[in-house]
């Protein structure tokens, strides 16, 4: 669902110290994608899940979650249906 907003690529490589800095970098290169990840106040969108090395970032430090150079960030939009 988000891939078209990232220029059709499945992965982006970003050198950033925190999850928030990753999203800032995404905003610079893919502003439409970033708008799907953060709300109008700059907070993480409620129905998008952010994982840093397999841990949900809201249980860590949110956008201030620190990243190691080899960290993997996964962004997964919630899917609902019935």
PDB file of N, CA and C in Angstrom:
ATOM      1  N   UNK A   1       0.806  -1.195   0.000  1.00  0.00           N
ATOM      2  CA  UNK A   1       0.000   0.000   0.000  1.00  0.00           C
ATOM      3  C   UNK A   1       0.855   1.267   0.000  1.00  0.00           C
ATOM      4  N   UNK A   2       2.023   1.208   0.633  1.00  0.00           N
ATOM      5  CA  UNK A   2       2.864   2.398   0.713  1.00  0.00           C
ATOM      6  C   UNK A   2       3.907   2.458  -0.403  1.00  0.00           C
ATOM      7  N   UNK A   3       4.183   1.329  -1.024  1.00  0.00           N
ATOM      8  CA  UNK A   3       5.246   1.262  -2.031  1.00  0.00           C
ATOM      9  C   UNK A   3       5.088   2.286  -3.161  1.00  0.00           C
ATOM     10  N   UNK A   4       3.897   2.495  -3.721  1.00  0.00           N
ATOM     11  CA  UNK A   4       3.778   3.499  -4.788  1.00  0.00           C
ATOM     12  C   UNK A   4       4.209   4.901  -4.339  1.00  0.00           C
ATOM     13  N   UNK A   5       4.027   5.195  -3.053  1.00  0.00           N
ATOM     14  CA  UNK A   5       4.409   6.509  -2.537  1.00  0.00           C
ATOM     15  C   UNK A   5       5.914   6.620  -2.300  1.00  0.00           C
ATOM     16  N   UNK A   6       6.611   5.473  -2.370  1.00  0.00           N
ATOM     17  CA  UNK A   6       8.071   5.445  -2.205  1.00  0.00           C
ATOM     18  C   UNK A   6       8.756   5.225  -3.548  1.00  0.00           C
ATOM     19  N   UNK A   7       8.099   5.617  -4.612  1.00  0.00           N
ATOM     20  CA  UNK A   7       8.699   5.457  -5.932  1.00  0.00           C
ATOM     21  C   UNK A   7       8.726   4.016  -6.413  1.00  0.00           C
ATOM     22  N   UNK A   8       7.890   3.175  -5.815  1.00  0.00           N
ATOM     23  CA  UNK A   8       7.799   1.782  -6.231  1.00  0.00           C
ATOM     24  C   UNK A   8       8.828   0.857  -5.607  1.00  0.00           C
ATOM     25  N   UNK A   9       9.684   1.363  -4.749  1.00  0.00           N
ATOM     26  CA  UNK A   9      10.709   0.519  -4.130  1.00  0.00           C
ATOM     27  C   UNK A   9      10.202  -0.059  -2.815  1.00  0.00           C
ATOM     28  N   UNK A  10      10.696  -1.245  -2.488  1.00  0.00           N
ATOM     29  CA  UNK A  10      10.294  -1.918  -1.261  1.00  0.00           C
ATOM     30  C   UNK A  10      11.143  -1.494  -0.072  1.00  0.00           C
ATOM     31  N   UNK A  11      12.353  -1.016  -0.339  1.00  0.00           N
ATOM     32  CA  UNK A  11      13.266  -0.637   0.736  1.00  0.00           C
ATOM     33  C   UNK A  11      13.924   0.700   0.434  1.00  0.00           C
ATOM     34  N   UNK A  12      14.134   1.456   1.485  1.00  0.00           N
ATOM     35  CA  UNK A  12      14.888   2.702   1.391  1.00  0.00           C
ATOM     36  C   UNK A  12      16.033   2.597   2.391  1.00  0.00           C
ATOM     37  N   UNK A  13      17.229   2.985   1.988  1.00  0.00           N
ATOM     38  CA  UNK A  13      18.357   3.009   2.918  1.00  0.00           C
ATOM     39  C   UNK A  13      18.533   4.423   3.414  1.00  0.00           C
ATOM     40  N   UNK A  14      18.547   4.561   4.735  1.00  0.00           N
ATOM     41  CA  UNK A  14      18.639   5.869   5.361  1.00  0.00           C
ATOM     42  C   UNK A  14      19.664   5.783   6.486  1.00  0.00           C
ATOM     43  N   UNK A  15      20.531   6.768   6.571  1.00  0.00           N
ATOM     44  CA  UNK A  15      21.487   6.862   7.666  1.00  0.00           C
ATOM     45  C   UNK A  15      20.936   7.893   8.644  1.00  0.00           C
ATOM     46  N   UNK A  16      20.401   7.412   9.777  1.00  0.00           N
ATOM     47  CA  UNK A  16      19.759   8.316  10.729  1.00  0.00           C
ATOM     48  C   UNK A  16      19.919   7.757  12.142  1.00  0.00           C
ATOM     49  N   UNK A  17      20.014   8.638  13.139  1.00  0.00           N
ATOM     50  CA  UNK A  17      20.219   8.181  14.517  1.00  0.00           C
ATOM     51  C   UNK A  17      18.941   7.754  15.248  1.00  0.00           C
ATOM     52  N   UNK A  18      17.771   8.187  14.767  1.00  0.00           N
ATOM     53  CA  UNK A  18      16.503   7.861  15.430  1.00  0.00           C
ATOM     54  C   UNK A  18      15.426   7.576  14.394  1.00  0.00           C
ATOM     55  N   UNK A  19      14.339   6.991  14.853  1.00  0.00           N
ATOM     56  CA  UNK A  19      13.207   6.740  13.962  1.00  0.00           C
ATOM     57  C   UNK A  19      12.670   8.061  13.405  1.00  0.00           C
ATOM     58  N   UNK A  20      12.583   9.085  14.228  1.00  0.00           N
ATOM     59  CA  UNK A  20      12.109  10.385  13.759  1.00  0.00           C
ATOM     60  C   UNK A  20      12.983  10.950  12.654  1.00  0.00           C
ATOM     61  N   UNK A  21      14.300  10.751  12.769  1.00  0.00           N
ATOM     62  CA  UNK A  21      15.217  11.224  11.726  1.00  0.00           C
ATOM     63  C   UNK A  21      15.018  10.435  10.439  1.00  0.00           C
ATOM     64  N   UNK A  22      14.676   9.159  10.549  1.00  0.00           N
ATOM     65  CA  UNK A  22      14.353   8.363   9.353  1.00  0.00           C
ATOM     66  C   UNK A  22      13.139   8.979   8.662  1.00  0.00           C
ATOM     67  N   UNK A  23      12.118   9.298   9.438  1.00  0.00           N
ATOM     68  CA  UNK A  23      10.911   9.878   8.850  1.00  0.00           C
ATOM     69  C   UNK A  23      11.175  11.259   8.270  1.00  0.00           C
ATOM     70  N   UNK A  24      12.072  12.024   8.882  1.00  0.00           N
ATOM     71  CA  UNK A  24      12.458  13.318   8.310  1.00  0.00           C
ATOM     72  C   UNK A  24      13.111  13.116   6.950  1.00  0.00           C
ATOM     73  N   UNK A  25      13.950  12.081   6.839  1.00  0.00           N
ATOM     74  CA  UNK A  25      14.611  11.780   5.573  1.00  0.00           C
ATOM     75  C   UNK A  25      13.593  11.334   4.523  1.00  0.00           C
ATOM     76  N   UNK A  26      12.630  10.538   4.942  1.00  0.00           N
ATOM     77  CA  UNK A  26      11.568  10.109   4.029  1.00  0.00           C
ATOM     78  C   UNK A  26      10.804  11.333   3.531  1.00  0.00           C
ATOM     79  N   UNK A  27      10.515  12.277   4.419  1.00  0.00           N
ATOM     80  CA  UNK A  27       9.797  13.491   4.031  1.00  0.00           C
ATOM     81  C   UNK A  27      10.547  14.248   2.936  1.00  0.00           C
ATOM     82  N   UNK A  28      11.874  14.305   3.044  1.00  0.00           N
ATOM     83  CA  UNK A  28      12.677  15.034   2.053  1.00  0.00           C
ATOM     84  C   UNK A  28      12.591  14.391   0.675  1.00  0.00           C
ATOM     85  N   UNK A  29      12.581  13.077   0.616  1.00  0.00           N
ATOM     86  CA  UNK A  29      12.580  12.396  -0.677  1.00  0.00           C
ATOM     87  C   UNK A  29      11.225  11.936  -1.167  1.00  0.00           C
ATOM     88  N   UNK A  30      10.295  11.726  -0.250  1.00  0.00           N
ATOM     89  CA  UNK A  30       8.973  11.184  -0.588  1.00  0.00           C
ATOM     90  C   UNK A  30       7.910  11.837   0.293  1.00  0.00           C
ATOM     91  N   UNK A  31       7.610  13.108   0.081  1.00  0.00           N
ATOM     92  CA  UNK A  31       6.670  13.812   0.966  1.00  0.00           C
ATOM     93  C   UNK A  31       5.285  13.171   1.045  1.00  0.00           C
ATOM     94  N   UNK A  32       4.800  12.599  -0.028  1.00  0.00           N
ATOM     95  CA  UNK A  32       3.476  11.964   0.012  1.00  0.00           C
ATOM     96  C   UNK A  32       3.491  10.742   0.923  1.00  0.00           C
ATOM     97  N   UNK A  33       4.589  10.015   0.931  1.00  0.00           N
ATOM     98  CA  UNK A  33       4.724   8.854   1.815  1.00  0.00           C
ATOM     99  C   UNK A  33       4.755   9.311   3.272  1.00  0.00           C
ATOM    100  N   UNK A  34       5.530  10.332   3.563  1.00  0.00           N
ATOM    101  CA  UNK A  34       5.645  10.808   4.941  1.00  0.00           C
ATOM    102  C   UNK A  34       4.302  11.258   5.494  1.00  0.00           C
ATOM    103  N   UNK A  35       3.457  11.841   4.657  1.00  0.00           N
ATOM    104  CA  UNK A  35       2.128  12.269   5.113  1.00  0.00           C
ATOM    105  C   UNK A  35       1.254  11.089   5.513  1.00  0.00           C
ATOM    106  N   UNK A  36       1.551   9.906   4.982  1.00  0.00           N
ATOM    107  CA  UNK A  36       0.809   8.701   5.374  1.00  0.00           C
ATOM    108  C   UNK A  36       1.356   8.096   6.665  1.00  0.00           C
ATOM    109  N   UNK A  37       2.545   8.535   7.089  1.00  0.00           N
ATOM    110  CA  UNK A  37       3.186   7.973   8.267  1.00  0.00           C
ATOM    111  C   UNK A  37       3.018   8.830   9.516  1.00  0.00           C
ATOM    112  N   UNK A  38       2.930  10.152   9.323  1.00  0.00           N
ATOM    113  CA  UNK A  38       2.773  11.077  10.451  1.00  0.00           C
ATOM    114  C   UNK A  38       1.493  11.883  10.270  1.00  0.00           C
ATOM    115  N   UNK A  39       0.904  12.244  11.387  1.00  0.00           N
ATOM    116  CA  UNK A  39      -0.321  13.059  11.322  1.00  0.00           C
ATOM    117  C   UNK A  39       0.033  14.542  11.217  1.00  0.00           C
ATOM    118  N   UNK A  40      -0.978  15.384  11.243  1.00  0.00           N
ATOM    119  CA  UNK A  40      -0.798  16.817  11.048  1.00  0.00           C
ATOM    120  C   UNK A  40       0.065  17.459  12.127  1.00  0.00           C
ATOM    121  N   UNK A  41       0.086  16.876  13.316  1.00  0.00           N
ATOM    122  CA  UNK A  41       0.893  17.427  14.408  1.00  0.00           C
ATOM    123  C   UNK A  41       2.298  16.829  14.441  1.00  0.00           C
ATOM    124  N   UNK A  42       2.617  15.956  13.480  1.00  0.00           N
ATOM    125  CA  UNK A  42       3.946  15.347  13.420  1.00  0.00           C
ATOM    126  C   UNK A  42       4.073  14.051  14.183  1.00  0.00           C
ATOM    127  N   UNK A  43       2.986  13.605  14.807  1.00  0.00           N
ATOM    128  CA  UNK A  43       2.997  12.339  15.544  1.00  0.00           C
ATOM    129  C   UNK A  43       2.838  11.150  14.608  1.00  0.00           C
ATOM    130  N   UNK A  44       3.183   9.986  15.107  1.00  0.00           N
ATOM    131  CA  UNK A  44       3.024   8.767  14.318  1.00  0.00           C
ATOM    132  C   UNK A  44       1.538   8.488  14.114  1.00  0.00           C
ATOM    133  N   UNK A  45       1.179   8.149  12.892  1.00  0.00           N
ATOM    134  CA  UNK A  45      -0.228   7.847  12.619  1.00  0.00           C
ATOM    135  C   UNK A  45      -0.643   6.608  13.406  1.00  0.00           C
ATOM    136  N   UNK A  46      -1.849   6.665  13.902  1.00  0.00           N
ATOM    137  CA  UNK A  46      -2.374   5.629  14.788  1.00  0.00           C
ATOM    138  C   UNK A  46      -2.443   4.251  14.133  1.00  0.00           C
ATOM    139  N   UNK A  47      -2.805   4.192  12.872  1.00  0.00           N
ATOM    140  CA  UNK A  47      -3.012   2.903  12.217  1.00  0.00           C
ATOM    141  C   UNK A  47      -1.840   2.483  11.337  1.00  0.00           C
ATOM    142  N   UNK A  48      -0.665   2.954  11.691  1.00  0.00           N
ATOM    143  CA  UNK A  48       0.559   2.516  11.026  1.00  0.00           C
ATOM    144  C   UNK A  48       1.471   2.000  12.121  1.00  0.00           C
ATOM    145  N   UNK A  49       2.024   0.804  11.914  1.00  0.00           N
ATOM    146  CA  UNK A  49       2.900   0.188  12.904  1.00  0.00           C
ATOM    147  C   UNK A  49       4.350   0.372  12.490  1.00  0.00           C
ATOM    148  N   UNK A  50       5.172   0.788  13.433  1.00  0.00           N
ATOM    149  CA  UNK A  50       6.590   1.043  13.194  1.00  0.00           C
ATOM    150  C   UNK A  50       7.388   0.089  14.079  1.00  0.00           C
ATOM    151  N   UNK A  51       8.248  -0.702  13.462  1.00  0.00           N
ATOM    152  CA  UNK A  51       9.075  -1.664  14.190  1.00  0.00           C
ATOM    153  C   UNK A  51      10.547  -1.344  13.976  1.00  0.00           C
ATOM    154  N   UNK A  52      11.308  -1.373  15.048  1.00  0.00           N
ATOM    155  CA  UNK A  52      12.751  -1.201  14.983  1.00  0.00           C
ATOM    156  C   UNK A  52      13.355  -2.509  15.471  1.00  0.00           C
ATOM    157  N   UNK A  53      14.032  -3.197  14.572  1.00  0.00           N
ATOM    158  CA  UNK A  53      14.618  -4.510  14.878  1.00  0.00           C
ATOM    159  C   UNK A  53      13.600  -5.436  15.545  1.00  0.00           C
ATOM    160  N   UNK A  54      12.370  -5.426  15.026  1.00  0.00           N
ATOM    161  CA  UNK A  54      11.326  -6.325  15.494  1.00  0.00           C
ATOM    162  C   UNK A  54      10.533  -5.847  16.695  1.00  0.00           C
ATOM    163  N   UNK A  55      10.901  -4.723  17.286  1.00  0.00           N
ATOM    164  CA  UNK A  55      10.193  -4.185  18.454  1.00  0.00           C
ATOM    165  C   UNK A  55       9.302  -3.018  18.022  1.00  0.00           C
ATOM    166  N   UNK A  56       8.054  -3.040  18.472  1.00  0.00           N
ATOM    167  CA  UNK A  56       7.130  -1.956  18.142  1.00  0.00           C
ATOM    168  C   UNK A  56       7.625  -0.676  18.804  1.00  0.00           C
ATOM    169  N   UNK A  57       7.835   0.365  18.038  1.00  0.00           N
ATOM    170  CA  UNK A  57       8.498   1.570  18.547  1.00  0.00           C
ATOM    171  C   UNK A  57       7.681   2.302  19.595  1.00  0.00           C
ATOM    172  N   UNK A  58       6.379   2.147  19.606  1.00  0.00           N
ATOM    173  CA  UNK A  58       5.581   2.827  20.627  1.00  0.00           C
ATOM    174  C   UNK A  58       5.865   2.257  22.014  1.00  0.00           C
ATOM    175  N   UNK A  59       6.366   1.040  22.065  1.00  0.00           N
ATOM    176  CA  UNK A  59       6.760   0.435  23.340  1.00  0.00           C
ATOM    177  C   UNK A  59       8.194   0.808  23.706  1.00  0.00           C
ATOM    178  N   UNK A  60       8.880   1.401  22.778  1.00  0.00           N
ATOM    179  CA  UNK A  60      10.249   1.860  23.018  1.00  0.00           C
ATOM    180  C   UNK A  60      10.177   3.360  23.304  1.00  0.00           C
ATOM    181  N   UNK A  61      10.788   4.167  22.478  1.00  0.00           N
ATOM    182  CA  UNK A  61      10.794   5.619  22.709  1.00  0.00           C
ATOM    183  C   UNK A  61      10.100   6.377  21.580  1.00  0.00           C
ATOM    184  N   UNK A  62       9.191   5.723  20.865  1.00  0.00           N
ATOM    185  CA  UNK A  62       8.482   6.390  19.779  1.00  0.00           C
ATOM    186  C   UNK A  62       9.449   6.902  18.728  1.00  0.00           C
ATOM    187  N   UNK A  63       9.259   8.125  18.294  1.00  0.00           N
ATOM    188  CA  UNK A  63      10.123   8.699  17.264  1.00  0.00           C
ATOM    189  C   UNK A  63      11.552   8.919  17.764  1.00  0.00           C
ATOM    190  N   UNK A  64      11.734   8.937  19.069  1.00  0.00           N
ATOM    191  CA  UNK A  64      13.072   9.115  19.641  1.00  0.00           C
ATOM    192  C   UNK A  64      13.815   7.783  19.802  1.00  0.00           C
ATOM    193  N   UNK A  65      13.225   6.699  19.324  1.00  0.00           N
ATOM    194  CA  UNK A  65      13.886   5.399  19.411  1.00  0.00           C
ATOM    195  C   UNK A  65      15.224   5.468  18.687  1.00  0.00           C
ATOM    196  N   UNK A  66      16.315   5.176  19.402  1.00  0.00           N
ATOM    197  CA  UNK A  66      17.635   5.231  18.764  1.00  0.00           C
ATOM    198  C   UNK A  66      17.838   4.061  17.809  1.00  0.00           C
ATOM    199  N   UNK A  67      18.623   4.301  16.777  1.00  0.00           N
ATOM    200  CA  UNK A  67      18.922   3.279  15.783  1.00  0.00           C
ATOM    201  C   UNK A  67      20.415   3.010  15.746  1.00  0.00           C
ATOM    202  N   UNK A  68      20.769   1.741  15.628  1.00  0.00           N
ATOM    203  CA  UNK A  68      22.157   1.374  15.388  1.00  0.00           C
ATOM    204  C   UNK A  68      22.399   1.449  13.890  1.00  0.00           C
ATOM    205  N   UNK A  69      23.659   1.469  13.451  1.00  0.00           N
ATOM    206  CA  UNK A  69      23.921   1.526  12.003  1.00  0.00           C
ATOM    207  C   UNK A  69      23.296   0.367  11.213  1.00  0.00           C
ATOM    208  N   UNK A  70      23.098  -0.776  11.855  1.00  0.00           N
ATOM    209  CA  UNK A  70      22.528  -1.924  11.142  1.00  0.00           C
ATOM    210  C   UNK A  70      21.044  -2.135  11.449  1.00  0.00           C
ATOM    211  N   UNK A  71      20.409  -1.184  12.099  1.00  0.00           N
ATOM    212  CA  UNK A  71      19.002  -1.338  12.484  1.00  0.00           C
ATOM    213  C   UNK A  71      18.108  -1.487  11.258  1.00  0.00           C
ATOM    214  N   UNK A  72      17.062  -2.274  11.448  1.00  0.00           N
ATOM    215  CA  UNK A  72      16.053  -2.441  10.402  1.00  0.00           C
ATOM    216  C   UNK A  72      14.754  -1.838  10.911  1.00  0.00           C
ATOM    217  N   UNK A  73      14.216  -0.909  10.139  1.00  0.00           N
ATOM    218  CA  UNK A  73      12.930  -0.289  10.473  1.00  0.00           C
ATOM    219  C   UNK A  73      11.908  -0.831   9.492  1.00  0.00           C
ATOM    220  N   UNK A  74      10.826  -1.356  10.027  1.00  0.00           N
ATOM    221  CA  UNK A  74       9.725  -1.840   9.191  1.00  0.00           C
ATOM    222  C   UNK A  74       8.506  -0.979   9.484  1.00  0.00           C
ATOM    223  N   UNK A  75       7.854  -0.575   8.412  1.00  0.00           N
ATOM    224  CA  UNK A  75       6.657   0.253   8.532  1.00  0.00           C
ATOM    225  C   UNK A  75       5.521  -0.527   7.886  1.00  0.00           C
ATOM    226  N   UNK A  76       4.522  -0.839   8.705  1.00  0.00           N
ATOM    227  CA  UNK A  76       3.443  -1.715   8.232  1.00  0.00           C
ATOM    228  C   UNK A  76       2.108  -1.047   8.537  1.00  0.00           C
ATOM    229  N   UNK A  77       1.360  -0.675   7.506  1.00  0.00           N
ATOM    230  CA  UNK A  77       0.028  -0.101   7.768  1.00  0.00           C
ATOM    231  C   UNK A  77      -0.918  -1.192   8.260  1.00  0.00           C
ATOM    232  N   UNK A  78      -1.784  -0.821   9.173  1.00  0.00           N
ATOM    233  CA  UNK A  78      -2.788  -1.774   9.669  1.00  0.00           C
ATOM    234  C   UNK A  78      -3.743  -2.109   8.539  1.00  0.00           C
ATOM    235  N   UNK A  79      -4.200  -3.338   8.536  1.00  0.00           N
ATOM    236  CA  UNK A  79      -5.156  -3.795   7.533  1.00  0.00           C
ATOM    237  C   UNK A  79      -6.368  -4.326   8.281  1.00  0.00           C
ATOM    238  N   UNK A  80      -7.522  -3.850   7.910  1.00  0.00           N
ATOM    239  CA  UNK A  80      -8.753  -4.296   8.563  1.00  0.00           C
ATOM    240  C   UNK A  80      -9.728  -4.751   7.496  1.00  0.00           C
ATOM    241  N   UNK A  81     -10.613  -5.560   7.886  1.00  0.00           N
ATOM    242  CA  UNK A  81     -11.616  -6.025   6.945  1.00  0.00           C
ATOM    243  C   UNK A  81     -12.571  -6.968   7.645  1.00  0.00           C
ATOM    244  N   UNK A  82     -13.534  -7.383   6.929  1.00  0.00           N
ATOM    245  CA  UNK A  82     -14.500  -8.251   7.564  1.00  0.00           C
ATOM    246  C   UNK A  82     -15.094  -9.198   6.588  1.00  0.00           C
TER     247      UNK A  82
END
